[in-house]
Structure formats: C-alpha cells, structure tokens
PDB file of N, CA and C in Angstrom:
ATOM      1  N   MET A   1     -18.151  -9.640  -6.841  1.00  0.00           N
ATOM      2  CA  MET A   1     -19.494  -9.485  -7.113  1.00  0.00           C
ATOM      3  C   MET A   1     -19.068  -7.935  -7.636  1.00  0.00           C
ATOM      4  N   ILE A   2     -18.554  -6.571  -6.887  1.00  0.00           N
ATOM      5  CA  ILE A   2     -18.071  -5.495  -7.445  1.00  0.00           C
ATOM      6  C   ILE A   2     -16.640  -5.357  -8.257  1.00  0.00           C
ATOM      7  N   THR A   3     -17.281  -5.021  -8.921  1.00  0.00           N
ATOM      8  CA  THR A   3     -15.871  -5.228  -9.803  1.00  0.00           C
ATOM      9  C   THR A   3     -15.236  -3.795 -10.119  1.00  0.00           C
ATOM     10  N   PHE A   4     -14.273  -3.305 -10.211  1.00  0.00           N
ATOM     11  CA  PHE A   4     -13.700  -2.096 -11.079  1.00  0.00           C
ATOM     12  C   PHE A   4     -12.927  -2.189 -12.701  1.00  0.00           C
ATOM     13  N   ASP A   5     -13.297  -1.739 -13.729  1.00  0.00           N
ATOM     14  CA  ASP A   5     -12.675  -1.128 -14.295  1.00  0.00           C
ATOM     15  C   ASP A   5     -12.239  -0.190 -14.752  1.00  0.00           C
ATOM     16  N   ARG A   6     -10.666  -0.276 -14.704  1.00  0.00           N
ATOM     17  CA  ARG A   6      -9.759   1.011 -14.648  1.00  0.00           C
ATOM     18  C   ARG A   6      -9.449   1.315 -15.441  1.00  0.00           C
ATOM     19  N   SER A   7      -9.264   2.635 -16.743  1.00  0.00           N
ATOM     20  CA  SER A   7      -8.834   2.946 -17.422  1.00  0.00           C
ATOM     21  C   SER A   7      -7.518   4.446 -16.596  1.00  0.00           C
ATOM     22  N   ASP A   8      -6.957   4.714 -17.561  1.00  0.00           N
ATOM     23  CA  ASP A   8      -5.999   6.197 -16.789  1.00  0.00           C
ATOM     24  C   ASP A   8      -6.865   6.914 -16.601  1.00  0.00           C
ATOM     25  N   ARG A   9      -8.075   7.001 -17.007  1.00  0.00           N
ATOM     26  CA  ARG A   9      -8.574   8.426 -16.959  1.00  0.00           C
ATOM     27  C   ARG A   9      -9.933   8.598 -15.589  1.00  0.00           C
ATOM     28  N   TYR A  10     -10.183   7.284 -15.554  1.00  0.00           N
ATOM     29  CA  TYR A  10     -11.876   6.859 -14.963  1.00  0.00           C
ATOM     30  C   TYR A  10     -12.199   5.815 -14.296  1.00  0.00           C
ATOM     31  N   THR A  11     -12.600   5.325 -13.514  1.00  0.00           N
ATOM     32  CA  THR A  11     -12.959   3.444 -13.113  1.00  0.00           C
ATOM     33  C   THR A  11     -14.383   4.047 -13.449  1.00  0.00           C
ATOM     34  N   LEU A  12     -15.039   2.483 -14.269  1.00  0.00           N
ATOM     35  CA  LEU A  12     -16.494   2.271 -14.190  1.00  0.00           C
ATOM     36  C   LEU A  12     -16.565   0.690 -12.941  1.00  0.00           C
ATOM     37  N   ILE A  13     -17.461   0.788 -12.452  1.00  0.00           N
ATOM     38  CA  ILE A  13     -17.868   0.397 -11.134  1.00  0.00           C
ATOM     39  C   ILE A  13     -19.358  -0.792 -11.492  1.00  0.00           C
ATOM     40  N   VAL A  14     -18.477  -1.506 -11.378  1.00  0.00           N
ATOM     41  CA  VAL A  14     -19.954  -2.879 -12.010  1.00  0.00           C
ATOM     42  C   VAL A  14     -20.565  -4.030 -10.806  1.00  0.00           C
ATOM     43  N   CYS A  15     -21.737  -4.501 -10.658  1.00  0.00           N
ATOM     44  CA  CYS A  15     -22.498  -5.321  -9.404  1.00  0.00           C
ATOM     45  C   CYS A  15     -22.950  -6.343 -10.323  1.00  0.00           C
ATOM     46  N   ASP A  16     -22.371  -7.542 -10.219  1.00  0.00           N
ATOM     47  CA  ASP A  16     -22.390  -8.604 -10.811  1.00  0.00           C
ATOM     48  C   ASP A  16     -23.796  -9.853 -10.537  1.00  0.00           C
ATOM     49  N   GLN A  17     -24.068  -9.211  -9.267  1.00  0.00           N
ATOM     50  CA  GLN A  17     -25.847  -9.306  -9.105  1.00  0.00           C
ATOM     51  C   GLN A  17     -26.662  -7.933  -9.690  1.00  0.00           C
ATOM     52  N   CYS A  18     -26.624  -7.222  -9.989  1.00  0.00           N
ATOM     53  CA  CYS A  18     -27.594  -5.492 -10.055  1.00  0.00           C
ATOM     54  C   CYS A  18     -27.423  -5.597 -11.403  1.00  0.00           C
ATOM     55  N   PRO A  19     -27.343  -6.011 -12.591  1.00  0.00           N
ATOM     56  CA  PRO A  19     -27.322  -6.074 -14.105  1.00  0.00           C
ATOM     57  C   PRO A  19     -28.015  -4.419 -14.386  1.00  0.00           C
ATOM     58  N   HIS A  20     -28.862  -3.889 -13.826  1.00  0.00           N
ATOM     59  CA  HIS A  20     -29.514  -2.173 -13.767  1.00  0.00           C
ATOM     60  C   HIS A  20     -28.973  -1.524 -13.218  1.00  0.00           C
ATOM     61  N   TRP A  21     -27.142  -2.081 -12.026  1.00  0.00           N
ATOM     62  CA  TRP A  21     -26.739  -1.014 -11.426  1.00  0.00           C
ATOM     63  C   TRP A  21     -25.135  -0.932 -12.148  1.00  0.00           C
ATOM     64  N   HIS A  22     -24.730   0.453 -12.141  1.00  0.00           N
ATOM     65  CA  HIS A  22     -23.256   0.773 -12.663  1.00  0.00           C
ATOM     66  C   HIS A  22     -22.945   2.361 -12.000  1.00  0.00           C
ATOM     67  N   ALA A  23     -21.360   2.459 -11.993  1.00  0.00           N
ATOM     68  CA  ALA A  23     -21.395   3.417 -11.402  1.00  0.00           C
ATOM     69  C   ALA A  23     -20.424   3.972 -12.404  1.00  0.00           C
ATOM     70  N   PHE A  24     -19.591   5.036 -12.105  1.00  0.00           N
ATOM     71  CA  PHE A  24     -18.434   6.110 -12.776  1.00  0.00           C
ATOM     72  C   PHE A  24     -18.065   6.455 -11.206  1.00  0.00           C
ATOM     73  N   ALA A  25     -16.482   6.717 -11.769  1.00  0.00           N
ATOM     74  CA  ALA A  25     -15.854   7.484 -10.815  1.00  0.00           C
ATOM     75  C   ALA A  25     -14.488   7.696 -11.434  1.00  0.00           C
ATOM     76  N   TRP A  26     -13.493   9.465 -11.139  1.00  0.00           N
ATOM     77  CA  TRP A  26     -13.156   9.869 -11.454  1.00  0.00           C
ATOM     78  C   TRP A  26     -11.758   9.139 -11.125  1.00  0.00           C
ATOM     79  N   ASP A  27     -12.005   8.797 -10.151  1.00  0.00           N
ATOM     80  CA  ASP A  27      -9.990   8.407  -9.014  1.00  0.00           C
ATOM     81  C   ASP A  27     -10.907   7.228  -8.437  1.00  0.00           C
ATOM     82  N   ARG A  28      -9.514   6.887  -7.791  1.00  0.00           N
ATOM     83  CA  ARG A  28     -10.056   5.028  -7.003  1.00  0.00           C
ATOM     84  C   ARG A  28     -10.925   5.660  -5.553  1.00  0.00           C
ATOM     85  N   ALA A  29     -10.350   6.667  -5.515  1.00  0.00           N
ATOM     86  CA  ALA A  29     -10.907   6.860  -3.853  1.00  0.00           C
ATOM     87  C   ALA A  29     -12.371   6.576  -3.969  1.00  0.00           C
ATOM     88  N   ALA A  30     -12.952   7.492  -4.767  1.00  0.00           N
ATOM     89  CA  ALA A  30     -14.407   7.941  -4.933  1.00  0.00           C
ATOM     90  C   ALA A  30     -15.309   6.613  -5.530  1.00  0.00           C
ATOM     91  N   ALA A  31     -14.730   5.733  -6.464  1.00  0.00           N
ATOM     92  CA  ALA A  31     -14.920   4.281  -6.807  1.00  0.00           C
ATOM     93  C   ALA A  31     -15.114   3.965  -6.084  1.00  0.00           C
ATOM     94  N   GLU A  32     -14.342   3.603  -4.498  1.00  0.00           N
ATOM     95  CA  GLU A  32     -14.152   2.341  -3.610  1.00  0.00           C
ATOM     96  C   GLU A  32     -15.704   3.095  -3.067  1.00  0.00           C
ATOM     97  N   ARG A  33     -16.065   4.851  -2.718  1.00  0.00           N
ATOM     98  CA  ARG A  33     -16.912   4.912  -2.151  1.00  0.00           C
ATOM     99  C   ARG A  33     -17.955   4.837  -2.663  1.00  0.00           C
ATOM    100  N   ARG A  34     -18.222   5.230  -3.817  1.00  0.00           N
ATOM    101  CA  ARG A  34     -19.552   4.527  -4.845  1.00  0.00           C
ATOM    102  C   ARG A  34     -19.656   2.803  -4.409  1.00  0.00           C
ATOM    103  N   ALA A  35     -18.208   2.046  -4.079  1.00  0.00           N
ATOM    104  CA  ALA A  35     -19.155   0.876  -4.446  1.00  0.00           C
ATOM    105  C   ALA A  35     -19.530   0.574  -2.972  1.00  0.00           C
ATOM    106  N   ALA A  36     -18.910   0.747  -2.159  1.00  0.00           N
ATOM    107  CA  ALA A  36     -19.002   0.560  -0.664  1.00  0.00           C
ATOM    108  C   ALA A  36     -20.793   1.188  -0.060  1.00  0.00           C
ATOM    109  N   ALA A  37     -20.968   2.300  -1.052  1.00  0.00           N
ATOM    110  CA  ALA A  37     -22.345   2.659  -0.088  1.00  0.00           C
ATOM    111  C   ALA A  37     -23.961   1.990  -1.349  1.00  0.00           C
ATOM    112  N   HIS A  38     -23.577   0.995  -2.528  1.00  0.00           N
ATOM    113  CA  HIS A  38     -24.133  -0.058  -3.303  1.00  0.00           C
ATOM    114  C   HIS A  38     -23.942  -0.865  -2.576  1.00  0.00           C
ATOM    115  N   GLU A  39     -22.545  -1.399  -1.902  1.00  0.00           N
ATOM    116  CA  GLU A  39     -22.342  -2.633  -1.174  1.00  0.00           C
ATOM    117  C   GLU A  39     -23.431  -2.648   0.089  1.00  0.00           C
ATOM    118  N   GLU A  40     -23.117  -1.272   0.663  1.00  0.00           N
ATOM    119  CA  GLU A  40     -24.210  -1.300   1.862  1.00  0.00           C
ATOM    120  C   GLU A  40     -25.883  -1.154   1.748  1.00  0.00           C
ATOM    121  N   SER A  41     -25.939  -1.034   0.839  1.00  0.00           N
ATOM    122  CA  SER A  41     -27.568  -0.417   0.591  1.00  0.00           C
ATOM    123  C   SER A  41     -28.438  -1.835  -0.530  1.00  0.00           C
ATOM    124  N   CYS A  42     -27.127  -2.439  -0.857  1.00  0.00           N
ATOM    125  CA  CYS A  42     -28.311  -3.357  -1.687  1.00  0.00           C
ATOM    126  C   CYS A  42     -27.975  -5.215  -1.413  1.00  0.00           C
ATOM    127  N   HIS A  43     -26.468  -4.910  -0.309  1.00  0.00           N
ATOM    128  CA  HIS A  43     -26.170  -6.430  -0.253  1.00  0.00           C
ATOM    129  C   HIS A  43     -25.418  -6.101   1.334  1.00  0.00           C
ATOM    130  N   PRO A  44     -26.317  -5.466   2.015  1.00  0.00           N
ATOM    131  CA  PRO A  44     -25.911  -5.864   3.336  1.00  0.00           C
ATOM    132  C   PRO A  44     -25.019  -6.599   3.873  1.00  0.00           C
ATOM    133  N   GLY A  45     -25.703  -7.586   4.085  1.00  0.00           N
ATOM    134  CA  GLY A  45     -24.594  -9.277   4.793  1.00  0.00           C
ATOM    135  C   GLY A  45     -23.128  -8.966   3.916  1.00  0.00           C
ATOM    136  N   VAL A  46     -23.054  -8.627   2.956  1.00  0.00           N
ATOM    137  CA  VAL A  46     -21.293  -8.509   2.469  1.00  0.00           C
ATOM    138  C   VAL A  46     -20.725  -6.910   2.721  1.00  0.00           C
ATOM    139  N   ARG A  47     -19.058  -7.630   3.307  1.00  0.00           N
ATOM    140  CA  ARG A  47     -18.383  -6.535   3.469  1.00  0.00           C
ATOM    141  C   ARG A  47     -17.351  -6.582   2.771  1.00  0.00           C
ATOM    142  N   VAL A  48     -17.260  -7.189   1.803  1.00  0.00           N
ATOM    143  CA  VAL A  48     -16.239  -7.285   0.705  1.00  0.00           C
ATOM    144  C   VAL A  48     -15.472  -5.877   0.693  1.00  0.00           C
ATOM    145  N   ILE A  49     -16.045  -4.876   0.014  1.00  0.00           N
ATOM    146  CA  ILE A  49     -15.604  -3.763  -0.418  1.00  0.00           C
ATOM    147  C   ILE A  49     -15.758  -2.747   0.936  1.00  0.00           C
ATOM    148  N   ARG A  50     -16.364  -2.574   1.684  1.00  0.00           N
ATOM    149  CA  ARG A  50     -15.969  -2.247   3.225  1.00  0.00           C
ATOM    150  C   ARG A  50     -15.170  -2.405   3.848  1.00  0.00           C
ATOM    151  N   SER A  51     -14.726  -3.647   3.641  1.00  0.00           N
ATOM    152  CA  SER A  51     -13.545  -4.256   4.689  1.00  0.00           C
ATOM    153  C   SER A  51     -12.211  -3.590   3.933  1.00  0.00           C
ATOM    154  N   ARG A  52     -12.155  -4.172   2.719  1.00  0.00           N
ATOM    155  CA  ARG A  52     -11.123  -3.707   1.947  1.00  0.00           C
ATOM    156  C   ARG A  52     -10.675  -2.402   2.308  1.00  0.00           C
ATOM    157  N   SER A  53     -11.317  -1.137   2.047  1.00  0.00           N
ATOM    158  CA  SER A  53     -11.532  -0.111   2.446  1.00  0.00           C
ATOM    159  C   SER A  53     -10.895   0.204   3.278  1.00  0.00           C
ATOM    160  N   ALA A  54     -11.947  -0.276   4.556  1.00  0.00           N
ATOM    161  CA  ALA A  54     -10.915  -0.298   6.320  1.00  0.00           C
ATOM    162  C   ALA A  54      -9.771  -0.466   6.368  1.00  0.00           C
ATOM    163  N   SER A  55      -9.459  -1.862   6.208  1.00  0.00           N
ATOM    164  CA  SER A  55      -7.846  -1.930   5.670  1.00  0.00           C
ATOM    165  C   SER A  55      -7.578  -1.008   5.305  1.00  0.00           C
ATOM    166  N   ARG A  56      -7.418  -0.588   4.021  1.00  0.00           N
ATOM    167  CA  ARG A  56      -6.416   0.713   3.459  1.00  0.00           C
ATOM    168  C   ARG A  56      -6.967   1.433   4.061  1.00  0.00           C
ATOM    169  N   ASP A  57      -7.523   1.794   5.011  1.00  0.00           N
ATOM    170  CA  ASP A  57      -7.448   3.957   5.924  1.00  0.00           C
ATOM    171  C   ASP A  57      -6.963   3.207   6.615  1.00  0.00           C
ATOM    172  N   THR A  58      -6.932   1.859   7.683  1.00  0.00           N
ATOM    173  CA  THR A  58      -5.783   1.460   9.024  1.00  0.00           C
ATOM    174  C   THR A  58      -4.381   1.914   8.396  1.00  0.00           C
ATOM    175  N   THR A  59      -4.222   0.943   7.399  1.00  0.00           N
ATOM    176  CA  THR A  59      -2.708   1.022   6.669  1.00  0.00           C
ATOM    177  C   THR A  59      -2.146   2.524   6.294  1.00  0.00           C
ATOM    178  N   ARG A  60      -2.752   3.250   5.887  1.00  0.00           N
ATOM    179  CA  ARG A  60      -2.235   4.439   5.660  1.00  0.00           C
ATOM    180  C   ARG A  60      -2.369   5.685   7.380  1.00  0.00           C
ATOM    181  N   ARG A  61      -3.006   5.864   7.851  1.00  0.00           N
ATOM    182  CA  ARG A  61      -2.902   6.095   8.966  1.00  0.00           C
ATOM    183  C   ARG A  61      -1.905   5.722   9.857  1.00  0.00           C
ATOM    184  N   ALA A  62      -1.446   4.665   9.821  1.00  0.00           N
ATOM    185  CA  ALA A  62      -0.436   3.931  10.663  1.00  0.00           C
ATOM    186  C   ALA A  62       0.331   4.665  10.089  1.00  0.00           C
ATOM    187  N   ARG A  63       0.645   4.389   8.703  1.00  0.00           N
ATOM    188  CA  ARG A  63       2.024   5.069   7.991  1.00  0.00           C
ATOM    189  C   ARG A  63       2.188   6.677   8.313  1.00  0.00           C
ATOM    190  N   ALA A  64       1.060   6.715   7.904  1.00  0.00           N
ATOM    191  CA  ALA A  64       1.169   8.237   8.813  1.00  0.00           C
ATOM    192  C   ALA A  64       1.503   8.930   9.646  1.00  0.00           C
ATOM    193  N   GLN A  65       1.388   8.130  11.120  1.00  0.00           N
ATOM    194  CA  GLN A  65       1.657   7.788  12.152  1.00  0.00           C
ATOM    195  C   GLN A  65       3.047   7.691  12.290  1.00  0.00           C
ATOM    196  N   SER A  66       3.749   7.140  11.459  1.00  0.00           N
ATOM    197  CA  SER A  66       5.084   6.570  11.765  1.00  0.00           C
ATOM    198  C   SER A  66       5.961   7.834  10.661  1.00  0.00           C
ATOM    199  N   ALA A  67       5.551   7.860  10.105  1.00  0.00           N
ATOM    200  CA  ALA A  67       5.788   9.176   9.229  1.00  0.00           C
ATOM    201  C   ALA A  67       6.318  10.293  10.543  1.00  0.00           C
ATOM    202  N   GLN A  68       5.296  10.328  10.747  1.00  0.00           N
ATOM    203  CA  GLN A  68       5.207  11.350  11.692  1.00  0.00           C
ATOM    204  C   GLN A  68       5.965  11.341  13.005  1.00  0.00           C
ATOM    205  N   CYS A  69       5.928  10.270  13.649  1.00  0.00           N
ATOM    206  CA  CYS A  69       7.168   9.777  14.223  1.00  0.00           C
ATOM    207  C   CYS A  69       8.691  10.160  13.790  1.00  0.00           C
ATOM    208  N   ASP A  70       9.012   9.173  12.920  1.00  0.00           N
ATOM    209  CA  ASP A  70       9.900   9.580  12.735  1.00  0.00           C
ATOM    210  C   ASP A  70      10.803  10.544  12.386  1.00  0.00           C
ATOM    211  N   THR A  71      10.016  11.731  12.249  1.00  0.00           N
ATOM    212  CA  THR A  71      10.472  13.695  12.008  1.00  0.00           C
ATOM    213  C   THR A  71      10.329  14.385  12.874  1.00  0.00           C
ATOM    214  N   GLY A  72      10.116  13.668  14.194  1.00  0.00           N
ATOM    215  CA  GLY A  72       9.938  14.080  15.568  1.00  0.00           C
ATOM    216  C   GLY A  72       8.817  14.945  15.596  1.00  0.00           C
ATOM    217  N   GLY A  73       7.595  14.447  14.683  1.00  0.00           N
ATOM    218  CA  GLY A  73       6.322  15.239  14.763  1.00  0.00           C
ATOM    219  C   GLY A  73       6.271  16.850  14.040  1.00  0.00           C
ATOM    220  N   ARG A  74       6.797  16.871  13.559  1.00  0.00           N
ATOM    221  CA  ARG A  74       6.672  17.946  12.403  1.00  0.00           C
ATOM    222  C   ARG A  74       6.769  17.753  11.303  1.00  0.00           C
TER     223      ARG A  74
END
C-alpha cells in the first residue's frame, strides 16, 4: 500500500491506493510519521506502517534500557 522511495538525501512516500497523495521527507523518521498519519486518516482499518513504527519504537526503548543497565545507569 504505502511505499518509500529512498535516495541518499530524501524519501518520497507514495500510497498506491491514493494516486493523488504523496509526501516528501528528509529522513526516515519523518517519512514514517507522514506515512503513518496518511494511513490513519485515509485507511483507518489498515495498520501496516503504524504497527511497523510501533515495533521499531519498542525495540529502540528495549535497547536503550539494556544499554543503561549495562553501564550501571550512567
């Protein structure tokens, strides 16, 4: 449904179900936020991008907590 066309400098976000919609972002995080916002507003029953983003956030938090524990919280 939503695809990311990445280059070295930017990302173009396209929805194959909405030929009138596309977005541009300078980095991956911004691209994912824009895609998630489009998915939520135009395709509320679909959670592909939002689920993927939530999974990445959970993994990042777990890694950060693990690193903090490994250093004794410093």
